[in-house]
Amino acid sequence: MLLGVFLALVVVSCKSKVCECADAHVNAVKEINKTSDPLKKMRILGNKKYQKVFKQCNAMTSEMTPEELKDFEAEYEQCPSVKALKSGDLKQ
């Protein structure tokens, strides 16, 4: 039973990490879409607030098996920020 609780906590914490990655990505996309200047777009992507999260996400996904990556991608698509972006609910 204790193992089941532990596994549930791991799954919940993984989901929040996935959505943290999604939120950072969506926020960066929103900022990038506000400018047509390629240099400004590069500065946005280089912003420390995004780089920290992007590094964590890359480190997490680089160690995943192909099956874990599929699960990550499926969870990513279910994050509220990604759903809102895809549905056009996020306005610039």
PDB file of N, CA and C in Angstrom:
ATOM      1  N   MET A   1       0.825  -1.192   0.000  1.00  0.00           N
ATOM      2  CA  MET A   1       0.000   0.000   0.000  1.00  0.00           C
ATOM      3  C   MET A   1       0.868   1.255   0.000  1.00  0.00           C
ATOM      4  N   LEU A   2       1.936   1.229   0.791  1.00  0.00           N
ATOM      5  CA  LEU A   2       2.846   2.359   0.833  1.00  0.00           C
ATOM      6  C   LEU A   2       3.490   2.581  -0.540  1.00  0.00           C
ATOM      7  N   LEU A   3       3.799   1.502  -1.206  1.00  0.00           N
ATOM      8  CA  LEU A   3       4.366   1.597  -2.542  1.00  0.00           C
ATOM      9  C   LEU A   3       3.384   2.268  -3.504  1.00  0.00           C
ATOM     10  N   GLY A   4       2.108   1.926  -3.389  1.00  0.00           N
ATOM     11  CA  GLY A   4       1.083   2.536  -4.237  1.00  0.00           C
ATOM     12  C   GLY A   4       0.981   4.031  -4.012  1.00  0.00           C
ATOM     13  N   VAL A   5       1.045   4.464  -2.774  1.00  0.00           N
ATOM     14  CA  VAL A   5       1.010   5.892  -2.451  1.00  0.00           C
ATOM     15  C   VAL A   5       2.234   6.587  -3.026  1.00  0.00           C
ATOM     16  N   PHE A   6       3.385   5.951  -2.878  1.00  0.00           N
ATOM     17  CA  PHE A   6       4.620   6.511  -3.424  1.00  0.00           C
ATOM     18  C   PHE A   6       4.536   6.665  -4.938  1.00  0.00           C
ATOM     19  N   LEU A   7       4.067   5.640  -5.609  1.00  0.00           N
ATOM     20  CA  LEU A   7       3.941   5.695  -7.067  1.00  0.00           C
ATOM     21  C   LEU A   7       2.950   6.774  -7.497  1.00  0.00           C
ATOM     22  N   ALA A   8       1.878   6.924  -6.770  1.00  0.00           N
ATOM     23  CA  ALA A   8       0.901   7.966  -7.083  1.00  0.00           C
ATOM     24  C   ALA A   8       1.527   9.345  -6.937  1.00  0.00           C
ATOM     25  N   LEU A   9       2.331   9.523  -5.899  1.00  0.00           N
ATOM     26  CA  LEU A   9       3.009  10.804  -5.705  1.00  0.00           C
ATOM     27  C   LEU A   9       4.000  11.082  -6.827  1.00  0.00           C
ATOM     28  N   VAL A  10       4.701  10.057  -7.253  1.00  0.00           N
ATOM     29  CA  VAL A  10       5.655  10.214  -8.353  1.00  0.00           C
ATOM     30  C   VAL A  10       4.920  10.618  -9.629  1.00  0.00           C
ATOM     31  N   VAL A  11       3.814   9.985  -9.908  1.00  0.00           N
ATOM     32  CA  VAL A  11       3.047  10.308 -11.109  1.00  0.00           C
ATOM     33  C   VAL A  11       2.546  11.740 -11.040  1.00  0.00           C
ATOM     34  N   VAL A  12       2.023  12.153  -9.905  1.00  0.00           N
ATOM     35  CA  VAL A  12       1.517  13.520  -9.753  1.00  0.00           C
ATOM     36  C   VAL A  12       2.649  14.523  -9.903  1.00  0.00           C
ATOM     37  N   SER A  13       3.799  14.250  -9.287  1.00  0.00           N
ATOM     38  CA  SER A  13       4.911  15.191  -9.392  1.00  0.00           C
ATOM     39  C   SER A  13       5.432  15.248 -10.818  1.00  0.00           C
ATOM     40  N   CYS A  14       5.428  14.121 -11.536  1.00  0.00           N
ATOM     41  CA  CYS A  14       5.866  14.120 -12.927  1.00  0.00           C
ATOM     42  C   CYS A  14       4.928  14.960 -13.780  1.00  0.00           C
ATOM     43  N   LYS A  15       3.650  14.846 -13.515  1.00  0.00           N
ATOM     44  CA  LYS A  15       2.689  15.619 -14.288  1.00  0.00           C
ATOM     45  C   LYS A  15       2.930  17.101 -14.091  1.00  0.00           C
ATOM     46  N   SER A  16       3.217  17.534 -12.863  1.00  0.00           N
ATOM     47  CA  SER A  16       3.441  18.951 -12.645  1.00  0.00           C
ATOM     48  C   SER A  16       4.723  19.404 -13.340  1.00  0.00           C
ATOM     49  N   LYS A  17       5.726  18.568 -13.377  1.00  0.00           N
ATOM     50  CA  LYS A  17       6.968  18.917 -14.082  1.00  0.00           C
ATOM     51  C   LYS A  17       6.715  19.023 -15.582  1.00  0.00           C
ATOM     52  N   VAL A  18       5.916  18.135 -16.101  1.00  0.00           N
ATOM     53  CA  VAL A  18       5.577  18.182 -17.523  1.00  0.00           C
ATOM     54  C   VAL A  18       4.852  19.478 -17.834  1.00  0.00           C
ATOM     55  N   CYS A  19       3.898  19.838 -16.997  1.00  0.00           N
ATOM     56  CA  CYS A  19       3.150  21.071 -17.247  1.00  0.00           C
ATOM     57  C   CYS A  19       3.998  22.309 -16.997  1.00  0.00           C
ATOM     58  N   GLU A  20       5.001  22.218 -16.127  1.00  0.00           N
ATOM     59  CA  GLU A  20       5.944  23.328 -15.972  1.00  0.00           C
ATOM     60  C   GLU A  20       6.691  23.544 -17.281  1.00  0.00           C
ATOM     61  N   CYS A  21       7.096  22.452 -17.902  1.00  0.00           N
ATOM     62  CA  CYS A  21       7.767  22.541 -19.203  1.00  0.00           C
ATOM     63  C   CYS A  21       6.821  23.145 -20.235  1.00  0.00           C
ATOM     64  N   ALA A  22       5.601  22.672 -20.242  1.00  0.00           N
ATOM     65  CA  ALA A  22       4.607  23.166 -21.190  1.00  0.00           C
ATOM     66  C   ALA A  22       4.329  24.642 -20.975  1.00  0.00           C
ATOM     67  N   ASP A  23       4.182  25.051 -19.727  1.00  0.00           N
ATOM     68  CA  ASP A  23       3.892  26.456 -19.427  1.00  0.00           C
ATOM     69  C   ASP A  23       5.021  27.365 -19.909  1.00  0.00           C
ATOM     70  N   ALA A  24       6.262  26.960 -19.660  1.00  0.00           N
ATOM     71  CA  ALA A  24       7.406  27.761 -20.102  1.00  0.00           C
ATOM     72  C   ALA A  24       7.428  27.853 -21.625  1.00  0.00           C
ATOM     73  N   HIS A  25       7.180  26.740 -22.284  1.00  0.00           N
ATOM     74  CA  HIS A  25       7.169  26.725 -23.746  1.00  0.00           C
ATOM     75  C   HIS A  25       6.075  27.641 -24.287  1.00  0.00           C
ATOM     76  N   VAL A  26       4.885  27.525 -23.747  1.00  0.00           N
ATOM     77  CA  VAL A  26       3.753  28.335 -24.216  1.00  0.00           C
ATOM     78  C   VAL A  26       4.022  29.820 -23.969  1.00  0.00           C
ATOM     79  N   ASN A  27       4.559  30.151 -22.797  1.00  0.00           N
ATOM     80  CA  ASN A  27       4.855  31.558 -22.510  1.00  0.00           C
ATOM     81  C   ASN A  27       5.913  32.114 -23.456  1.00  0.00           C
ATOM     82  N   ALA A  28       6.926  31.319 -23.753  1.00  0.00           N
ATOM     83  CA  ALA A  28       7.957  31.750 -24.704  1.00  0.00           C
ATOM     84  C   ALA A  28       7.351  31.946 -26.092  1.00  0.00           C
ATOM     85  N   VAL A  29       6.491  31.033 -26.515  1.00  0.00           N
ATOM     86  CA  VAL A  29       5.834  31.140 -27.821  1.00  0.00           C
ATOM     87  C   VAL A  29       4.998  32.416 -27.883  1.00  0.00           C
ATOM     88  N   LYS A  30       4.271  32.705 -26.817  1.00  0.00           N
ATOM     89  CA  LYS A  30       3.449  33.916 -26.784  1.00  0.00           C
ATOM     90  C   LYS A  30       4.313  35.164 -26.930  1.00  0.00           C
ATOM     91  N   GLU A  31       5.449  35.194 -26.218  1.00  0.00           N
ATOM     92  CA  GLU A  31       6.350  36.349 -26.321  1.00  0.00           C
ATOM     93  C   GLU A  31       6.960  36.459 -27.712  1.00  0.00           C
ATOM     94  N   ILE A  32       7.373  35.336 -28.264  1.00  0.00           N
ATOM     95  CA  ILE A  32       7.992  35.326 -29.591  1.00  0.00           C
ATOM     96  C   ILE A  32       7.007  35.799 -30.650  1.00  0.00           C
ATOM     97  N   ASN A  33       5.757  35.409 -30.500  1.00  0.00           N
ATOM     98  CA  ASN A  33       4.746  35.797 -31.485  1.00  0.00           C
ATOM     99  C   ASN A  33       4.432  37.289 -31.466  1.00  0.00           C
ATOM    100  N   LYS A  34       4.875  37.997 -30.440  1.00  0.00           N
ATOM    101  CA  LYS A  34       4.619  39.430 -30.344  1.00  0.00           C
ATOM    102  C   LYS A  34       5.615  40.271 -31.142  1.00  0.00           C
ATOM    103  N   THR A  35       6.654  39.642 -31.671  1.00  0.00           N
ATOM    104  CA  THR A  35       7.668  40.392 -32.407  1.00  0.00           C
ATOM    105  C   THR A  35       8.026  39.701 -33.716  1.00  0.00           C
ATOM    106  N   SER A  36       8.425  40.498 -34.670  1.00  0.00           N
ATOM    107  CA  SER A  36       8.896  39.927 -35.932  1.00  0.00           C
ATOM    108  C   SER A  36      10.419  40.025 -36.034  1.00  0.00           C
ATOM    109  N   ASP A  37      11.043  40.698 -35.077  1.00  0.00           N
ATOM    110  CA  ASP A  37      12.493  40.882 -35.067  1.00  0.00           C
ATOM    111  C   ASP A  37      13.179  39.590 -34.631  1.00  0.00           C
ATOM    112  N   PRO A  38      13.981  38.991 -35.515  1.00  0.00           N
ATOM    113  CA  PRO A  38      14.650  37.725 -35.181  1.00  0.00           C
ATOM    114  C   PRO A  38      15.581  37.836 -33.967  1.00  0.00           C
ATOM    115  N   LEU A  39      16.229  38.983 -33.798  1.00  0.00           N
ATOM    116  CA  LEU A  39      17.113  39.147 -32.646  1.00  0.00           C
ATOM    117  C   LEU A  39      16.330  39.172 -31.339  1.00  0.00           C
ATOM    118  N   LYS A  40      15.180  39.819 -31.356  1.00  0.00           N
ATOM    119  CA  LYS A  40      14.338  39.837 -30.159  1.00  0.00           C
ATOM    120  C   LYS A  40      13.841  38.428 -29.842  1.00  0.00           C
ATOM    121  N   LYS A  41      13.522  37.673 -30.876  1.00  0.00           N
ATOM    122  CA  LYS A  41      13.074  36.294 -30.664  1.00  0.00           C
ATOM    123  C   LYS A  41      14.177  35.463 -30.002  1.00  0.00           C
ATOM    124  N   MET A  42      15.406  35.661 -30.451  1.00  0.00           N
ATOM    125  CA  MET A  42      16.534  34.933 -29.872  1.00  0.00           C
ATOM    126  C   MET A  42      16.762  35.355 -28.423  1.00  0.00           C
ATOM    127  N   ARG A  43      16.605  36.646 -28.150  1.00  0.00           N
ATOM    128  CA  ARG A  43      16.766  37.129 -26.772  1.00  0.00           C
ATOM    129  C   ARG A  43      15.705  36.530 -25.861  1.00  0.00           C
ATOM    130  N   ILE A  44      14.509  36.405 -26.366  1.00  0.00           N
ATOM    131  CA  ILE A  44      13.434  35.808 -25.570  1.00  0.00           C
ATOM    132  C   ILE A  44      13.794  34.374 -25.203  1.00  0.00           C
ATOM    133  N   LEU A  45      14.235  33.614 -26.181  1.00  0.00           N
ATOM    134  CA  LEU A  45      14.608  32.216 -25.921  1.00  0.00           C
ATOM    135  C   LEU A  45      15.809  32.107 -24.993  1.00  0.00           C
ATOM    136  N   GLY A  46      16.678  33.116 -25.020  1.00  0.00           N
ATOM    137  CA  GLY A  46      17.854  33.113 -24.156  1.00  0.00           C
ATOM    138  C   GLY A  46      17.585  33.663 -22.772  1.00  0.00           C
ATOM    139  N   ASN A  47      16.385  34.132 -22.538  1.00  0.00           N
ATOM    140  CA  ASN A  47      16.016  34.709 -21.253  1.00  0.00           C
ATOM    141  C   ASN A  47      16.216  33.682 -20.132  1.00  0.00           C
ATOM    142  N   LYS A  48      16.814  34.135 -19.034  1.00  0.00           N
ATOM    143  CA  LYS A  48      17.116  33.222 -17.920  1.00  0.00           C
ATOM    144  C   LYS A  48      15.877  32.517 -17.379  1.00  0.00           C
ATOM    145  N   LYS A  49      14.742  33.226 -17.377  1.00  0.00           N
ATOM    146  CA  LYS A  49      13.537  32.595 -16.814  1.00  0.00           C
ATOM    147  C   LYS A  49      13.111  31.381 -17.635  1.00  0.00           C
ATOM    148  N   TYR A  50      13.383  31.396 -18.925  1.00  0.00           N
ATOM    149  CA  TYR A  50      13.060  30.246 -19.760  1.00  0.00           C
ATOM    150  C   TYR A  50      14.190  29.230 -19.776  1.00  0.00           C
ATOM    151  N   GLN A  51      15.418  29.699 -19.809  1.00  0.00           N
ATOM    152  CA  GLN A  51      16.557  28.791 -19.909  1.00  0.00           C
ATOM    153  C   GLN A  51      16.627  27.826 -18.742  1.00  0.00           C
ATOM    154  N   LYS A  52      16.317  28.293 -17.546  1.00  0.00           N
ATOM    155  CA  LYS A  52      16.357  27.420 -16.375  1.00  0.00           C
ATOM    156  C   LYS A  52      15.363  26.262 -16.538  1.00  0.00           C
ATOM    157  N   VAL A  53      14.147  26.586 -16.913  1.00  0.00           N
ATOM    158  CA  VAL A  53      13.114  25.548 -17.079  1.00  0.00           C
ATOM    159  C   VAL A  53      13.445  24.656 -18.272  1.00  0.00           C
ATOM    160  N   PHE A  54      13.888  25.257 -19.378  1.00  0.00           N
ATOM    161  CA  PHE A  54      14.229  24.465 -20.562  1.00  0.00           C
ATOM    162  C   PHE A  54      15.347  23.474 -20.249  1.00  0.00           C
ATOM    163  N   LYS A  55      16.353  23.894 -19.481  1.00  0.00           N
ATOM    164  CA  LYS A  55      17.445  22.985 -19.114  1.00  0.00           C
ATOM    165  C   LYS A  55      16.914  21.813 -18.292  1.00  0.00           C
ATOM    166  N   GLN A  56      16.040  22.129 -17.330  1.00  0.00           N
ATOM    167  CA  GLN A  56      15.465  21.066 -16.494  1.00  0.00           C
ATOM    168  C   GLN A  56      14.641  20.105 -17.343  1.00  0.00           C
ATOM    169  N   CYS A  57      13.864  20.635 -18.254  1.00  0.00           N
ATOM    170  CA  CYS A  57      13.029  19.785 -19.113  1.00  0.00           C
ATOM    171  C   CYS A  57      13.888  18.922 -20.025  1.00  0.00           C
ATOM    172  N   ASN A  58      14.908  19.528 -20.613  1.00  0.00           N
ATOM    173  CA  ASN A  58      15.802  18.765 -21.482  1.00  0.00           C
ATOM    174  C   ASN A  58      16.527  17.668 -20.718  1.00  0.00           C
ATOM    175  N   ALA A  59      16.974  17.986 -19.491  1.00  0.00           N
ATOM    176  CA  ALA A  59      17.661  16.981 -18.677  1.00  0.00           C
ATOM    177  C   ALA A  59      16.714  15.834 -18.346  1.00  0.00           C
ATOM    178  N   MET A  60      15.473  16.176 -18.025  1.00  0.00           N
ATOM    179  CA  MET A  60      14.489  15.158 -17.673  1.00  0.00           C
ATOM    180  C   MET A  60      14.184  14.267 -18.879  1.00  0.00           C
ATOM    181  N   THR A  61      13.940  14.864 -20.025  1.00  0.00           N
ATOM    182  CA  THR A  61      13.554  14.071 -21.196  1.00  0.00           C
ATOM    183  C   THR A  61      14.721  13.319 -21.813  1.00  0.00           C
ATOM    184  N   SER A  62      15.921  13.828 -21.655  1.00  0.00           N
ATOM    185  CA  SER A  62      17.077  13.146 -22.260  1.00  0.00           C
ATOM    186  C   SER A  62      17.350  11.796 -21.613  1.00  0.00           C
ATOM    187  N   GLU A  63      16.867  11.608 -20.400  1.00  0.00           N
ATOM    188  CA  GLU A  63      17.086  10.348 -19.691  1.00  0.00           C
ATOM    189  C   GLU A  63      15.906   9.391 -19.824  1.00  0.00           C
ATOM    190  N   MET A  64      14.890   9.784 -20.583  1.00  0.00           N
ATOM    191  CA  MET A  64      13.687   8.956 -20.702  1.00  0.00           C
ATOM    192  C   MET A  64      13.831   7.908 -21.797  1.00  0.00           C
ATOM    193  N   THR A  65      13.168   6.800 -21.569  1.00  0.00           N
ATOM    194  CA  THR A  65      13.079   5.764 -22.592  1.00  0.00           C
ATOM    195  C   THR A  65      12.065   6.228 -23.650  1.00  0.00           C
ATOM    196  N   PRO A  66      12.041   5.602 -24.805  1.00  0.00           N
ATOM    197  CA  PRO A  66      11.039   5.980 -25.807  1.00  0.00           C
ATOM    198  C   PRO A  66       9.603   5.893 -25.271  1.00  0.00           C
ATOM    199  N   GLU A  67       9.322   4.900 -24.452  1.00  0.00           N
ATOM    200  CA  GLU A  67       7.979   4.775 -23.878  1.00  0.00           C
ATOM    201  C   GLU A  67       7.685   5.924 -22.910  1.00  0.00           C
ATOM    202  N   GLU A  68       8.671   6.280 -22.103  1.00  0.00           N
ATOM    203  CA  GLU A  68       8.497   7.409 -21.184  1.00  0.00           C
ATOM    204  C   GLU A  68       8.307   8.716 -21.945  1.00  0.00           C
ATOM    205  N   LEU A  69       9.010   8.863 -23.054  1.00  0.00           N
ATOM    206  CA  LEU A  69       8.842  10.065 -23.882  1.00  0.00           C
ATOM    207  C   LEU A  69       7.432  10.151 -24.458  1.00  0.00           C
ATOM    208  N   LYS A  70       6.886   9.021 -24.865  1.00  0.00           N
ATOM    209  CA  LYS A  70       5.503   9.003 -25.363  1.00  0.00           C
ATOM    210  C   LYS A  70       4.542   9.450 -24.267  1.00  0.00           C
ATOM    211  N   ASP A  71       4.770   8.959 -23.049  1.00  0.00           N
ATOM    212  CA  ASP A  71       3.938   9.351 -21.913  1.00  0.00           C
ATOM    213  C   ASP A  71       4.097  10.846 -21.622  1.00  0.00           C
ATOM    214  N   PHE A  72       5.330  11.325 -21.695  1.00  0.00           N
ATOM    215  CA  PHE A  72       5.612  12.746 -21.479  1.00  0.00           C
ATOM    216  C   PHE A  72       4.846  13.585 -22.497  1.00  0.00           C
ATOM    217  N   GLU A  73       4.943  13.195 -23.762  1.00  0.00           N
ATOM    218  CA  GLU A  73       4.263  13.939 -24.830  1.00  0.00           C
ATOM    219  C   GLU A  73       2.745  13.913 -24.653  1.00  0.00           C
ATOM    220  N   ALA A  74       2.221  12.776 -24.251  1.00  0.00           N
ATOM    221  CA  ALA A  74       0.773  12.671 -24.032  1.00  0.00           C
ATOM    222  C   ALA A  74       0.346  13.584 -22.884  1.00  0.00           C
ATOM    223  N   GLU A  75       1.115  13.592 -21.817  1.00  0.00           N
ATOM    224  CA  GLU A  75       0.794  14.465 -20.678  1.00  0.00           C
ATOM    225  C   GLU A  75       0.955  15.933 -21.065  1.00  0.00           C
ATOM    226  N   TYR A  76       1.997  16.237 -21.813  1.00  0.00           N
ATOM    227  CA  TYR A  76       2.260  17.607 -22.287  1.00  0.00           C
ATOM    228  C   TYR A  76       1.044  18.151 -23.039  1.00  0.00           C
ATOM    229  N   GLU A  77       0.486  17.339 -23.901  1.00  0.00           N
ATOM    230  CA  GLU A  77      -0.674  17.752 -24.695  1.00  0.00           C
ATOM    231  C   GLU A  77      -1.915  18.002 -23.837  1.00  0.00           C
ATOM    232  N   GLN A  78      -1.946  17.418 -22.629  1.00  0.00           N
ATOM    233  CA  GLN A  78      -3.096  17.590 -21.743  1.00  0.00           C
ATOM    234  C   GLN A  78      -2.951  18.770 -20.786  1.00  0.00           C
ATOM    235  N   CYS A  79      -1.798  19.397 -20.777  1.00  0.00           N
ATOM    236  CA  CYS A  79      -1.584  20.546 -19.883  1.00  0.00           C
ATOM    237  C   CYS A  79      -2.500  21.690 -20.295  1.00  0.00           C
ATOM    238  N   PRO A  80      -3.089  22.373 -19.325  1.00  0.00           N
ATOM    239  CA  PRO A  80      -4.018  23.461 -19.635  1.00  0.00           C
ATOM    240  C   PRO A  80      -3.440  24.538 -20.554  1.00  0.00           C
ATOM    241  N   SER A  81      -2.170  24.891 -20.373  1.00  0.00           N
ATOM    242  CA  SER A  81      -1.583  25.941 -21.209  1.00  0.00           C
ATOM    243  C   SER A  81      -1.473  25.500 -22.671  1.00  0.00           C
ATOM    244  N   VAL A  82      -1.153  24.240 -22.896  1.00  0.00           N
ATOM    245  CA  VAL A  82      -1.040  23.725 -24.262  1.00  0.00           C
ATOM    246  C   VAL A  82      -2.420  23.636 -24.906  1.00  0.00           C
ATOM    247  N   LYS A  83      -3.393  23.152 -24.147  1.00  0.00           N
ATOM    248  CA  LYS A  83      -4.754  23.077 -24.671  1.00  0.00           C
ATOM    249  C   LYS A  83      -5.268  24.469 -25.039  1.00  0.00           C
ATOM    250  N   ALA A  84      -5.008  25.450 -24.187  1.00  0.00           N
ATOM    251  CA  ALA A  84      -5.453  26.817 -24.454  1.00  0.00           C
ATOM    252  C   ALA A  84      -4.780  27.390 -25.695  1.00  0.00           C
ATOM    253  N   LEU A  85      -3.483  27.117 -25.840  1.00  0.00           N
ATOM    254  CA  LEU A  85      -2.748  27.603 -27.009  1.00  0.00           C
ATOM    255  C   LEU A  85      -3.318  26.996 -28.288  1.00  0.00           C
ATOM    256  N   LYS A  86      -3.542  25.707 -28.260  1.00  0.00           N
ATOM    257  CA  LYS A  86      -4.047  25.013 -29.449  1.00  0.00           C
ATOM    258  C   LYS A  86      -5.477  25.412 -29.797  1.00  0.00           C
ATOM    259  N   SER A  87      -6.251  25.750 -28.789  1.00  0.00           N
ATOM    260  CA  SER A  87      -7.640  26.135 -29.058  1.00  0.00           C
ATOM    261  C   SER A  87      -7.774  27.614 -29.421  1.00  0.00           C
ATOM    262  N   GLY A  88      -6.657  28.335 -29.297  1.00  0.00           N
ATOM    263  CA  GLY A  88      -6.692  29.748 -29.624  1.00  0.00           C
ATOM    264  C   GLY A  88      -7.210  30.619 -28.496  1.00  0.00           C
ATOM    265  N   ASP A  89      -7.319  30.046 -27.290  1.00  0.00           N
ATOM    266  CA  ASP A  89      -7.815  30.812 -26.149  1.00  0.00           C
ATOM    267  C   ASP A  89      -6.798  31.815 -25.631  1.00  0.00           C
ATOM    268  N   LEU A  90      -5.524  31.596 -25.922  1.00  0.00           N
ATOM    269  CA  LEU A  90      -4.494  32.519 -25.436  1.00  0.00           C
ATOM    270  C   LEU A  90      -4.347  33.661 -26.432  1.00  0.00           C
ATOM    271  N   LYS A  91      -4.637  34.831 -25.991  1.00  0.00           N
ATOM    272  CA  LYS A  91      -4.494  36.010 -26.844  1.00  0.00           C
ATOM    273  C   LYS A  91      -3.183  36.685 -26.488  1.00  0.00           C
ATOM    274  N   GLN A  92      -2.601  37.318 -27.480  1.00  0.00           N
ATOM    275  CA  GLN A  92      -1.317  37.992 -27.271  1.00  0.00           C
ATOM    276  C   GLN A  92      -1.504  39.321 -26.619  1.00  0.00           C
TER     277      GLN A  92
END
